């Protein structure tokens, strides 16, 4: 009889962004992960945002996709990090007048104020949020990314040599790995 033991991660994964540590759940069940990913994809499609042509995109639609990406990431964070990540500020005359636990609550409060707007408390460049998403997909997706409609995805490099023959070490490249 063969026996195989499978280890489960028990410590949160940590992403350090500037001076902030964001903790992600040690394990995420596959269906929970895919449900969140599908909601993110649906938000992108529903907003009519073509990620290959962002210059023609409606700014409010882009904001909706960015917000959906934040919610996707927060779903796989531990509670304290998710709360930090999802807090929103109400800004009036360039001053933060209040902070709320959710974007929706901040929007409702801003609607009652003249010329007020909402922004994330933890402000991050879009490229960092996208990199976090890619890292999370690698963590919980088993190293393979869910399929997307991006035509800009890179192809798997072809291997040198012929099948069944040795490969010259100078022709083999090692893929970069992120941690």
N, C-alpha and C. Protein backbone atom coordinates (compact mmCIF):
# COMPACT_ATOMS: atom_id res chain seq x y z
N UNK A 1 0.85 -1.17 0.00
CA UNK A 1 0.00 0.00 0.00
C UNK A 1 0.90 1.24 0.00
N UNK A 2 0.60 2.17 -0.89
CA UNK A 2 1.36 3.42 -0.97
C UNK A 2 0.69 4.48 -0.12
N UNK A 3 1.51 5.28 0.52
CA UNK A 3 1.00 6.38 1.34
C UNK A 3 1.64 7.67 0.87
N UNK A 4 0.84 8.68 0.76
CA UNK A 4 1.33 10.01 0.35
C UNK A 4 0.80 11.02 1.35
N UNK A 5 1.66 11.89 1.83
CA UNK A 5 1.27 12.94 2.75
C UNK A 5 1.30 14.27 2.02
N UNK A 6 0.26 15.07 2.20
CA UNK A 6 0.17 16.38 1.56
C UNK A 6 0.24 17.44 2.64
N UNK A 7 1.13 18.38 2.46
CA UNK A 7 1.27 19.47 3.42
C UNK A 7 0.30 20.59 3.08
N UNK A 8 -0.22 21.23 4.10
CA UNK A 8 -1.07 22.40 3.92
C UNK A 8 -0.33 23.59 4.51
N UNK A 9 -0.38 24.71 3.79
CA UNK A 9 0.22 25.93 4.33
C UNK A 9 -0.58 26.38 5.54
N UNK A 10 0.13 26.78 6.59
CA UNK A 10 -0.55 27.24 7.81
C UNK A 10 -0.20 28.67 8.16
N UNK A 11 0.83 29.20 7.56
CA UNK A 11 1.26 30.58 7.80
C UNK A 11 0.83 31.46 6.65
N UNK A 12 0.34 32.66 6.94
CA UNK A 12 -0.07 33.57 5.86
C UNK A 12 1.10 33.91 4.94
N UNK A 13 0.78 34.15 3.68
CA UNK A 13 1.75 34.65 2.71
C UNK A 13 1.80 36.17 2.91
N UNK A 14 2.98 36.73 2.86
CA UNK A 14 3.14 38.17 3.11
C UNK A 14 3.64 38.86 1.84
N UNK A 15 2.94 39.93 1.48
CA UNK A 15 3.38 40.81 0.39
C UNK A 15 3.75 42.13 1.03
N UNK A 16 4.99 42.52 0.91
CA UNK A 16 5.44 43.80 1.46
C UNK A 16 5.36 44.83 0.34
N UNK A 17 4.56 45.86 0.58
CA UNK A 17 4.36 46.93 -0.39
C UNK A 17 4.81 48.21 0.30
N UNK A 18 5.97 48.70 -0.11
CA UNK A 18 6.54 49.85 0.61
C UNK A 18 6.82 49.42 2.04
N UNK A 19 6.21 50.11 2.99
CA UNK A 19 6.42 49.77 4.40
C UNK A 19 5.25 48.98 4.98
N UNK A 20 4.31 48.56 4.14
CA UNK A 20 3.11 47.86 4.58
C UNK A 20 3.22 46.37 4.25
N UNK A 21 2.91 45.52 5.22
CA UNK A 21 2.82 44.09 4.98
C UNK A 21 1.36 43.72 4.83
N UNK A 22 1.02 43.11 3.72
CA UNK A 22 -0.33 42.60 3.50
C UNK A 22 -0.26 41.09 3.62
N UNK A 23 -1.09 40.54 4.51
CA UNK A 23 -1.07 39.09 4.75
C UNK A 23 -2.21 38.43 3.98
N UNK A 24 -1.88 37.35 3.30
CA UNK A 24 -2.83 36.59 2.51
C UNK A 24 -3.05 35.23 3.15
N UNK A 25 -4.25 34.69 3.00
CA UNK A 25 -4.61 33.42 3.61
C UNK A 25 -3.60 32.34 3.23
N UNK A 26 -3.28 31.46 4.19
CA UNK A 26 -2.33 30.39 3.88
C UNK A 26 -2.80 29.48 2.75
N UNK A 27 -4.08 29.17 2.74
CA UNK A 27 -4.66 28.31 1.70
C UNK A 27 -6.01 28.90 1.30
N UNK A 28 -6.36 28.78 0.04
CA UNK A 28 -7.66 29.20 -0.45
C UNK A 28 -8.22 28.03 -1.26
N UNK A 29 -9.44 27.66 -0.97
CA UNK A 29 -10.05 26.54 -1.68
C UNK A 29 -10.23 26.92 -3.15
N UNK A 30 -9.99 25.97 -4.02
CA UNK A 30 -10.01 26.22 -5.46
C UNK A 30 -11.29 26.85 -5.97
N UNK A 31 -12.45 26.37 -5.47
CA UNK A 31 -13.70 26.92 -5.98
C UNK A 31 -13.90 28.35 -5.48
N UNK A 32 -13.47 28.66 -4.26
CA UNK A 32 -13.56 30.04 -3.76
C UNK A 32 -12.68 30.97 -4.59
N UNK A 33 -11.49 30.49 -4.90
CA UNK A 33 -10.56 31.29 -5.70
C UNK A 33 -11.13 31.55 -7.09
N UNK A 34 -11.64 30.50 -7.73
CA UNK A 34 -12.16 30.65 -9.08
C UNK A 34 -13.43 31.50 -9.10
N UNK A 35 -14.27 31.38 -8.05
CA UNK A 35 -15.46 32.23 -7.99
C UNK A 35 -15.06 33.70 -7.94
N UNK A 36 -14.05 34.02 -7.13
CA UNK A 36 -13.57 35.40 -7.05
C UNK A 36 -12.95 35.86 -8.35
N UNK A 37 -12.20 34.99 -8.98
CA UNK A 37 -11.56 35.34 -10.25
C UNK A 37 -12.61 35.57 -11.33
N UNK A 38 -13.65 34.73 -11.34
CA UNK A 38 -14.72 34.88 -12.34
C UNK A 38 -15.49 36.19 -12.10
N UNK A 39 -15.71 36.56 -10.86
CA UNK A 39 -16.38 37.84 -10.56
C UNK A 39 -15.54 39.00 -11.07
N UNK A 40 -14.23 38.91 -10.91
CA UNK A 40 -13.33 39.93 -11.41
C UNK A 40 -13.42 40.01 -12.93
N UNK A 41 -13.36 38.89 -13.58
CA UNK A 41 -13.45 38.85 -15.04
C UNK A 41 -14.80 39.39 -15.53
N UNK A 42 -15.86 39.02 -14.83
CA UNK A 42 -17.19 39.51 -15.21
C UNK A 42 -17.29 41.02 -15.05
N UNK A 43 -16.67 41.57 -14.02
CA UNK A 43 -16.67 43.03 -13.82
C UNK A 43 -15.95 43.70 -14.97
N UNK A 44 -14.84 43.11 -15.40
CA UNK A 44 -14.09 43.67 -16.53
C UNK A 44 -14.94 43.65 -17.79
N UNK A 45 -15.55 42.51 -18.06
CA UNK A 45 -16.39 42.39 -19.27
C UNK A 45 -17.62 43.28 -19.18
N UNK A 46 -18.26 43.30 -18.01
CA UNK A 46 -19.47 44.09 -17.82
C UNK A 46 -19.23 45.58 -17.98
N UNK A 47 -18.02 46.01 -17.64
CA UNK A 47 -17.67 47.43 -17.78
C UNK A 47 -17.28 47.75 -19.22
N UNK A 48 -17.12 46.72 -20.04
CA UNK A 48 -16.75 46.95 -21.43
C UNK A 48 -15.32 47.44 -21.58
N UNK A 49 -14.47 47.07 -20.63
CA UNK A 49 -13.08 47.51 -20.67
C UNK A 49 -12.24 46.50 -21.45
N UNK A 50 -11.58 46.99 -22.48
CA UNK A 50 -10.65 46.19 -23.27
C UNK A 50 -9.26 46.46 -22.72
N UNK A 51 -8.70 45.49 -22.01
CA UNK A 51 -7.39 45.72 -21.39
C UNK A 51 -6.28 45.92 -22.41
N UNK A 52 -6.54 45.60 -23.66
CA UNK A 52 -5.56 45.82 -24.71
C UNK A 52 -5.62 47.24 -25.26
N UNK A 53 -6.69 48.01 -24.92
CA UNK A 53 -6.84 49.36 -25.42
C UNK A 53 -7.44 50.24 -24.33
N UNK A 54 -6.63 50.61 -23.36
CA UNK A 54 -7.12 51.38 -22.22
C UNK A 54 -7.32 52.86 -22.53
N UNK A 55 -6.71 53.36 -23.62
CA UNK A 55 -6.86 54.80 -23.88
C UNK A 55 -8.28 55.18 -24.26
N UNK A 56 -9.05 54.25 -24.81
CA UNK A 56 -10.42 54.56 -25.19
C UNK A 56 -11.42 54.21 -24.09
N UNK A 57 -10.93 53.71 -22.96
CA UNK A 57 -11.83 53.27 -21.89
C UNK A 57 -12.40 54.45 -21.11
N UNK A 58 -13.63 54.29 -20.69
CA UNK A 58 -14.30 55.28 -19.85
C UNK A 58 -13.64 55.23 -18.46
N UNK A 59 -13.21 56.39 -17.94
CA UNK A 59 -12.55 56.40 -16.63
C UNK A 59 -13.39 55.77 -15.51
N UNK A 60 -14.70 55.97 -15.52
CA UNK A 60 -15.52 55.37 -14.47
C UNK A 60 -15.57 53.85 -14.62
N UNK A 61 -15.53 53.36 -15.86
CA UNK A 61 -15.49 51.91 -16.08
C UNK A 61 -14.16 51.34 -15.60
N UNK A 62 -13.07 52.06 -15.87
CA UNK A 62 -11.76 51.62 -15.37
C UNK A 62 -11.74 51.57 -13.85
N UNK A 63 -12.34 52.58 -13.22
CA UNK A 63 -12.40 52.60 -11.75
C UNK A 63 -13.16 51.39 -11.24
N UNK A 64 -14.23 51.03 -11.92
CA UNK A 64 -15.00 49.85 -11.51
C UNK A 64 -14.18 48.58 -11.59
N UNK A 65 -13.37 48.44 -12.63
CA UNK A 65 -12.51 47.26 -12.77
C UNK A 65 -11.43 47.27 -11.70
N UNK A 66 -10.85 48.44 -11.44
CA UNK A 66 -9.82 48.54 -10.40
C UNK A 66 -10.41 48.18 -9.04
N UNK A 67 -11.62 48.66 -8.78
CA UNK A 67 -12.27 48.33 -7.52
C UNK A 67 -12.54 46.84 -7.42
N UNK A 68 -12.99 46.22 -8.51
CA UNK A 68 -13.24 44.77 -8.52
C UNK A 68 -11.95 44.01 -8.25
N UNK A 69 -10.84 44.50 -8.76
CA UNK A 69 -9.55 43.87 -8.51
C UNK A 69 -9.20 43.96 -7.03
N UNK A 70 -9.46 45.10 -6.41
CA UNK A 70 -9.23 45.24 -4.96
C UNK A 70 -10.08 44.25 -4.17
N UNK A 71 -11.36 44.12 -4.55
CA UNK A 71 -12.24 43.20 -3.83
C UNK A 71 -11.76 41.76 -3.99
N UNK A 72 -11.31 41.40 -5.19
CA UNK A 72 -10.76 40.07 -5.44
C UNK A 72 -9.58 39.81 -4.52
N UNK A 73 -8.65 40.76 -4.45
CA UNK A 73 -7.47 40.59 -3.60
C UNK A 73 -7.86 40.52 -2.13
N UNK A 74 -8.77 41.38 -1.70
CA UNK A 74 -9.19 41.40 -0.29
C UNK A 74 -9.82 40.07 0.12
N UNK A 75 -10.50 39.41 -0.82
CA UNK A 75 -11.14 38.13 -0.51
C UNK A 75 -10.13 37.05 -0.12
N UNK A 76 -8.89 37.18 -0.57
CA UNK A 76 -7.89 36.16 -0.24
C UNK A 76 -6.91 36.66 0.82
N UNK A 77 -7.17 37.84 1.38
CA UNK A 77 -6.34 38.37 2.46
C UNK A 77 -6.89 37.93 3.80
N UNK A 78 -6.02 37.93 4.81
CA UNK A 78 -6.51 37.73 6.17
C UNK A 78 -7.30 38.99 6.56
N UNK A 79 -8.15 38.87 7.54
CA UNK A 79 -9.12 39.92 7.86
C UNK A 79 -8.51 41.30 8.10
N UNK A 80 -7.47 41.39 8.91
CA UNK A 80 -6.88 42.71 9.20
C UNK A 80 -6.32 43.38 7.95
N UNK A 81 -5.66 42.61 7.10
CA UNK A 81 -5.13 43.18 5.86
C UNK A 81 -6.24 43.59 4.92
N UNK A 82 -7.30 42.78 4.84
CA UNK A 82 -8.42 43.11 3.97
C UNK A 82 -9.09 44.41 4.42
N UNK A 83 -9.24 44.57 5.72
CA UNK A 83 -9.84 45.81 6.24
C UNK A 83 -8.99 47.02 5.86
N UNK A 84 -7.69 46.92 6.02
CA UNK A 84 -6.78 48.01 5.65
C UNK A 84 -6.87 48.29 4.15
N UNK A 85 -6.89 47.25 3.36
CA UNK A 85 -6.87 47.35 1.90
C UNK A 85 -8.16 47.96 1.34
N UNK A 86 -9.29 47.75 2.04
CA UNK A 86 -10.59 48.20 1.54
C UNK A 86 -11.09 49.50 2.16
N UNK A 87 -10.35 50.08 3.08
CA UNK A 87 -10.78 51.36 3.67
C UNK A 87 -10.75 52.46 2.63
N UNK A 88 -11.70 53.39 2.74
CA UNK A 88 -11.79 54.48 1.77
C UNK A 88 -11.95 55.81 2.49
N UNK A 89 -11.35 56.83 1.92
CA UNK A 89 -11.41 58.19 2.47
C UNK A 89 -12.37 59.04 1.66
N UNK A 90 -13.04 59.94 2.37
CA UNK A 90 -13.82 60.99 1.71
C UNK A 90 -12.93 62.23 1.72
N UNK A 91 -12.74 62.79 0.54
CA UNK A 91 -11.85 63.95 0.38
C UNK A 91 -12.68 65.14 -0.09
N UNK A 92 -12.46 66.25 0.58
CA UNK A 92 -13.13 67.49 0.21
C UNK A 92 -12.10 68.61 0.30
N UNK A 93 -12.00 69.40 -0.75
CA UNK A 93 -11.01 70.49 -0.82
C UNK A 93 -9.61 69.96 -0.51
N UNK A 94 -9.30 68.79 -1.08
CA UNK A 94 -7.98 68.15 -0.96
C UNK A 94 -7.63 67.68 0.45
N UNK A 95 -8.61 67.66 1.33
CA UNK A 95 -8.39 67.20 2.70
C UNK A 95 -9.25 65.97 2.97
N UNK A 96 -8.68 64.99 3.68
CA UNK A 96 -9.45 63.84 4.09
C UNK A 96 -10.37 64.29 5.23
N UNK A 97 -11.67 64.16 5.02
CA UNK A 97 -12.62 64.59 6.05
C UNK A 97 -13.16 63.41 6.85
N UNK A 98 -13.06 62.20 6.31
CA UNK A 98 -13.52 61.01 7.04
C UNK A 98 -12.98 59.76 6.35
N UNK A 99 -12.87 58.68 7.12
CA UNK A 99 -12.44 57.39 6.60
C UNK A 99 -13.52 56.37 6.95
N UNK A 100 -13.82 55.50 5.99
CA UNK A 100 -14.88 54.51 6.15
C UNK A 100 -14.34 53.12 5.85
N UNK A 101 -14.97 52.10 6.42
CA UNK A 101 -14.48 50.73 6.21
C UNK A 101 -14.69 50.21 4.79
N UNK A 102 -15.61 50.82 4.04
CA UNK A 102 -15.86 50.34 2.67
C UNK A 102 -16.01 51.51 1.71
N UNK A 103 -15.78 51.22 0.45
CA UNK A 103 -15.95 52.20 -0.62
C UNK A 103 -17.40 52.68 -0.67
N UNK A 104 -18.34 51.74 -0.54
CA UNK A 104 -19.76 52.09 -0.63
C UNK A 104 -20.16 53.08 0.47
N UNK A 105 -19.69 52.84 1.69
CA UNK A 105 -20.00 53.76 2.79
C UNK A 105 -19.38 55.14 2.55
N UNK A 106 -18.18 55.16 2.03
CA UNK A 106 -17.51 56.44 1.73
C UNK A 106 -18.25 57.18 0.62
N UNK A 107 -18.69 56.44 -0.41
CA UNK A 107 -19.45 57.07 -1.49
C UNK A 107 -20.74 57.69 -0.99
N UNK A 108 -21.44 56.98 -0.11
CA UNK A 108 -22.69 57.50 0.44
C UNK A 108 -22.43 58.77 1.25
N UNK A 109 -21.36 58.79 2.01
CA UNK A 109 -21.03 59.98 2.80
C UNK A 109 -20.62 61.14 1.90
N UNK A 110 -19.86 60.84 0.85
CA UNK A 110 -19.39 61.88 -0.06
C UNK A 110 -20.56 62.51 -0.82
N UNK A 111 -21.59 61.74 -1.08
CA UNK A 111 -22.75 62.26 -1.81
C UNK A 111 -23.45 63.38 -1.05
N UNK A 112 -23.29 63.38 0.27
CA UNK A 112 -23.93 64.41 1.11
C UNK A 112 -23.08 65.67 1.24
N UNK A 113 -21.89 65.67 0.67
CA UNK A 113 -20.98 66.82 0.79
C UNK A 113 -20.76 67.47 -0.57
N UNK A 114 -20.59 68.78 -0.57
CA UNK A 114 -20.32 69.50 -1.80
C UNK A 114 -18.91 69.19 -2.30
N UNK A 115 -18.82 68.82 -3.56
CA UNK A 115 -17.54 68.60 -4.24
C UNK A 115 -16.60 67.66 -3.47
N UNK A 116 -17.17 66.62 -2.92
CA UNK A 116 -16.37 65.60 -2.23
C UNK A 116 -16.16 64.41 -3.16
N UNK A 117 -15.07 63.71 -2.94
CA UNK A 117 -14.79 62.51 -3.73
C UNK A 117 -14.30 61.42 -2.78
N UNK A 118 -14.16 60.22 -3.34
CA UNK A 118 -13.72 59.07 -2.56
C UNK A 118 -12.41 58.57 -3.15
N UNK A 119 -11.50 58.17 -2.28
CA UNK A 119 -10.26 57.52 -2.73
C UNK A 119 -9.88 56.47 -1.71
N UNK A 120 -9.11 55.51 -2.16
CA UNK A 120 -8.65 54.45 -1.27
C UNK A 120 -7.71 55.03 -0.23
N UNK A 121 -7.84 54.57 1.00
CA UNK A 121 -6.94 55.02 2.07
C UNK A 121 -5.53 54.53 1.78
N UNK A 122 -5.40 53.25 1.43
CA UNK A 122 -4.11 52.69 1.05
C UNK A 122 -3.97 52.87 -0.45
N UNK A 123 -3.36 53.98 -0.82
CA UNK A 123 -3.22 54.30 -2.24
C UNK A 123 -2.02 53.56 -2.81
N UNK A 124 -2.27 52.84 -3.89
CA UNK A 124 -1.22 52.06 -4.54
C UNK A 124 -1.29 52.29 -6.05
N UNK A 125 -0.14 52.31 -6.69
CA UNK A 125 -0.15 52.41 -8.16
C UNK A 125 -0.84 51.18 -8.76
N UNK A 126 -1.51 51.36 -9.86
CA UNK A 126 -2.20 50.25 -10.53
C UNK A 126 -1.23 49.11 -10.82
N UNK A 127 0.00 49.42 -11.21
CA UNK A 127 0.95 48.35 -11.54
C UNK A 127 1.20 47.45 -10.34
N UNK A 128 1.19 48.02 -9.12
CA UNK A 128 1.41 47.21 -7.92
C UNK A 128 0.20 46.31 -7.67
N UNK A 129 -0.99 46.85 -7.86
CA UNK A 129 -2.19 46.04 -7.68
C UNK A 129 -2.22 44.89 -8.69
N UNK A 130 -1.84 45.17 -9.92
CA UNK A 130 -1.79 44.12 -10.94
C UNK A 130 -0.72 43.08 -10.57
N UNK A 131 0.43 43.52 -10.08
CA UNK A 131 1.47 42.58 -9.67
C UNK A 131 1.01 41.72 -8.49
N UNK A 132 0.27 42.32 -7.56
CA UNK A 132 -0.29 41.55 -6.45
C UNK A 132 -1.24 40.48 -6.98
N UNK A 133 -2.08 40.86 -7.93
CA UNK A 133 -3.02 39.90 -8.50
C UNK A 133 -2.27 38.75 -9.18
N UNK A 134 -1.25 39.07 -9.94
CA UNK A 134 -0.48 38.02 -10.61
C UNK A 134 0.18 37.09 -9.60
N UNK A 135 0.70 37.66 -8.51
CA UNK A 135 1.33 36.87 -7.46
C UNK A 135 0.31 35.95 -6.79
N UNK A 136 -0.87 36.49 -6.52
CA UNK A 136 -1.93 35.72 -5.88
C UNK A 136 -2.37 34.57 -6.78
N UNK A 137 -2.48 34.82 -8.07
CA UNK A 137 -2.86 33.77 -9.00
C UNK A 137 -1.80 32.66 -8.98
N UNK A 138 -0.54 33.03 -8.90
CA UNK A 138 0.51 32.01 -8.82
C UNK A 138 0.43 31.25 -7.50
N UNK A 139 0.16 31.95 -6.40
CA UNK A 139 0.07 31.30 -5.10
C UNK A 139 -1.05 30.27 -5.05
N UNK A 140 -2.23 30.68 -5.40
CA UNK A 140 -3.41 29.84 -5.21
C UNK A 140 -3.81 29.08 -6.45
N UNK A 141 -3.31 29.49 -7.59
CA UNK A 141 -3.66 28.81 -8.83
C UNK A 141 -2.68 27.71 -9.18
N UNK A 142 -1.80 27.37 -8.26
CA UNK A 142 -0.86 26.28 -8.49
C UNK A 142 0.23 26.61 -9.48
N UNK A 143 0.52 27.90 -9.64
CA UNK A 143 1.60 28.30 -10.54
C UNK A 143 1.13 28.54 -11.96
N UNK A 144 -0.11 28.18 -12.26
CA UNK A 144 -0.62 28.46 -13.60
C UNK A 144 -1.71 29.50 -13.48
N UNK A 145 -1.72 30.40 -14.40
CA UNK A 145 -2.69 31.48 -14.37
C UNK A 145 -3.98 31.04 -15.05
N UNK A 146 -5.12 31.50 -14.51
CA UNK A 146 -6.36 31.24 -15.24
C UNK A 146 -6.29 31.85 -16.63
N UNK A 147 -6.99 31.25 -17.55
CA UNK A 147 -6.93 31.75 -18.91
C UNK A 147 -7.58 33.12 -19.01
N UNK A 148 -7.01 33.96 -19.84
CA UNK A 148 -7.56 35.29 -20.06
C UNK A 148 -7.63 35.52 -21.56
N UNK A 149 -8.25 36.60 -21.94
CA UNK A 149 -8.37 36.91 -23.36
C UNK A 149 -7.20 37.75 -23.86
N UNK A 150 -6.21 37.95 -23.03
CA UNK A 150 -5.09 38.80 -23.40
C UNK A 150 -4.29 38.20 -24.53
N UNK A 151 -4.14 38.96 -25.60
CA UNK A 151 -3.31 38.49 -26.70
C UNK A 151 -1.85 38.80 -26.43
N UNK A 152 -1.58 39.51 -25.35
CA UNK A 152 -0.22 39.88 -25.01
C UNK A 152 0.48 38.86 -24.13
N UNK A 153 -0.18 37.74 -23.84
CA UNK A 153 0.44 36.73 -22.99
C UNK A 153 1.64 36.13 -23.71
N UNK A 154 2.67 35.86 -22.94
CA UNK A 154 3.86 35.30 -23.55
C UNK A 154 3.68 33.80 -23.76
N UNK A 155 4.34 33.29 -24.76
CA UNK A 155 4.30 31.86 -25.05
C UNK A 155 5.39 31.16 -24.27
N UNK A 156 5.18 29.87 -24.06
CA UNK A 156 6.20 29.05 -23.43
C UNK A 156 7.39 28.98 -24.38
N UNK A 157 8.61 29.27 -23.89
CA UNK A 157 9.75 29.22 -24.79
C UNK A 157 9.99 27.80 -25.30
N UNK A 158 10.39 27.70 -26.56
CA UNK A 158 10.66 26.37 -27.10
C UNK A 158 12.00 25.89 -26.56
N UNK A 159 12.08 24.60 -26.39
CA UNK A 159 13.31 24.02 -25.86
C UNK A 159 14.25 23.72 -27.01
N UNK A 160 15.53 23.90 -26.74
CA UNK A 160 16.53 23.58 -27.77
C UNK A 160 16.69 22.08 -27.91
N UNK A 161 17.33 21.65 -28.97
CA UNK A 161 17.58 20.23 -29.17
C UNK A 161 16.39 19.52 -29.78
N UNK A 162 16.58 18.23 -30.01
CA UNK A 162 15.49 17.43 -30.56
C UNK A 162 15.04 16.43 -29.51
N UNK A 163 13.81 15.98 -29.67
CA UNK A 163 13.27 15.03 -28.72
C UNK A 163 14.17 13.81 -28.61
N UNK A 164 14.49 13.45 -27.36
CA UNK A 164 15.31 12.27 -27.13
C UNK A 164 16.79 12.53 -27.24
N UNK A 165 17.21 13.78 -27.50
CA UNK A 165 18.62 14.07 -27.60
C UNK A 165 19.02 15.01 -26.49
N UNK A 166 20.28 15.12 -26.22
CA UNK A 166 20.77 16.05 -25.20
C UNK A 166 20.58 17.49 -25.64
N UNK A 167 20.51 18.38 -24.68
CA UNK A 167 20.34 19.80 -24.96
C UNK A 167 21.58 20.52 -24.47
N UNK A 168 22.11 21.37 -25.31
CA UNK A 168 23.28 22.14 -24.94
C UNK A 168 22.93 23.08 -23.79
N UNK A 169 23.70 23.10 -22.67
CA UNK A 169 23.40 23.96 -21.55
C UNK A 169 23.34 25.43 -21.94
N UNK A 170 24.06 25.84 -22.97
CA UNK A 170 24.03 27.24 -23.38
C UNK A 170 22.70 27.61 -24.02
N UNK A 171 21.90 26.64 -24.42
CA UNK A 171 20.61 26.92 -25.07
C UNK A 171 19.44 26.82 -24.10
N UNK A 172 19.68 26.43 -22.86
CA UNK A 172 18.60 26.27 -21.90
C UNK A 172 18.50 27.53 -21.06
N UNK A 173 17.29 28.09 -20.98
CA UNK A 173 17.10 29.25 -20.13
C UNK A 173 16.24 28.85 -18.94
N UNK A 174 16.54 29.42 -17.79
CA UNK A 174 15.78 29.14 -16.59
C UNK A 174 14.76 30.24 -16.42
N UNK A 175 13.47 29.90 -16.35
CA UNK A 175 12.46 30.94 -16.17
C UNK A 175 12.64 31.64 -14.82
N UNK A 176 12.37 32.95 -14.83
CA UNK A 176 12.45 33.71 -13.58
C UNK A 176 11.27 33.33 -12.72
N UNK A 177 11.50 33.26 -11.42
CA UNK A 177 10.40 32.97 -10.49
C UNK A 177 10.31 34.09 -9.50
N UNK A 178 9.10 34.47 -9.18
CA UNK A 178 8.87 35.50 -8.17
C UNK A 178 8.53 34.88 -6.85
N UNK A 179 8.91 35.51 -5.78
CA UNK A 179 8.54 34.99 -4.47
C UNK A 179 8.13 36.08 -3.57
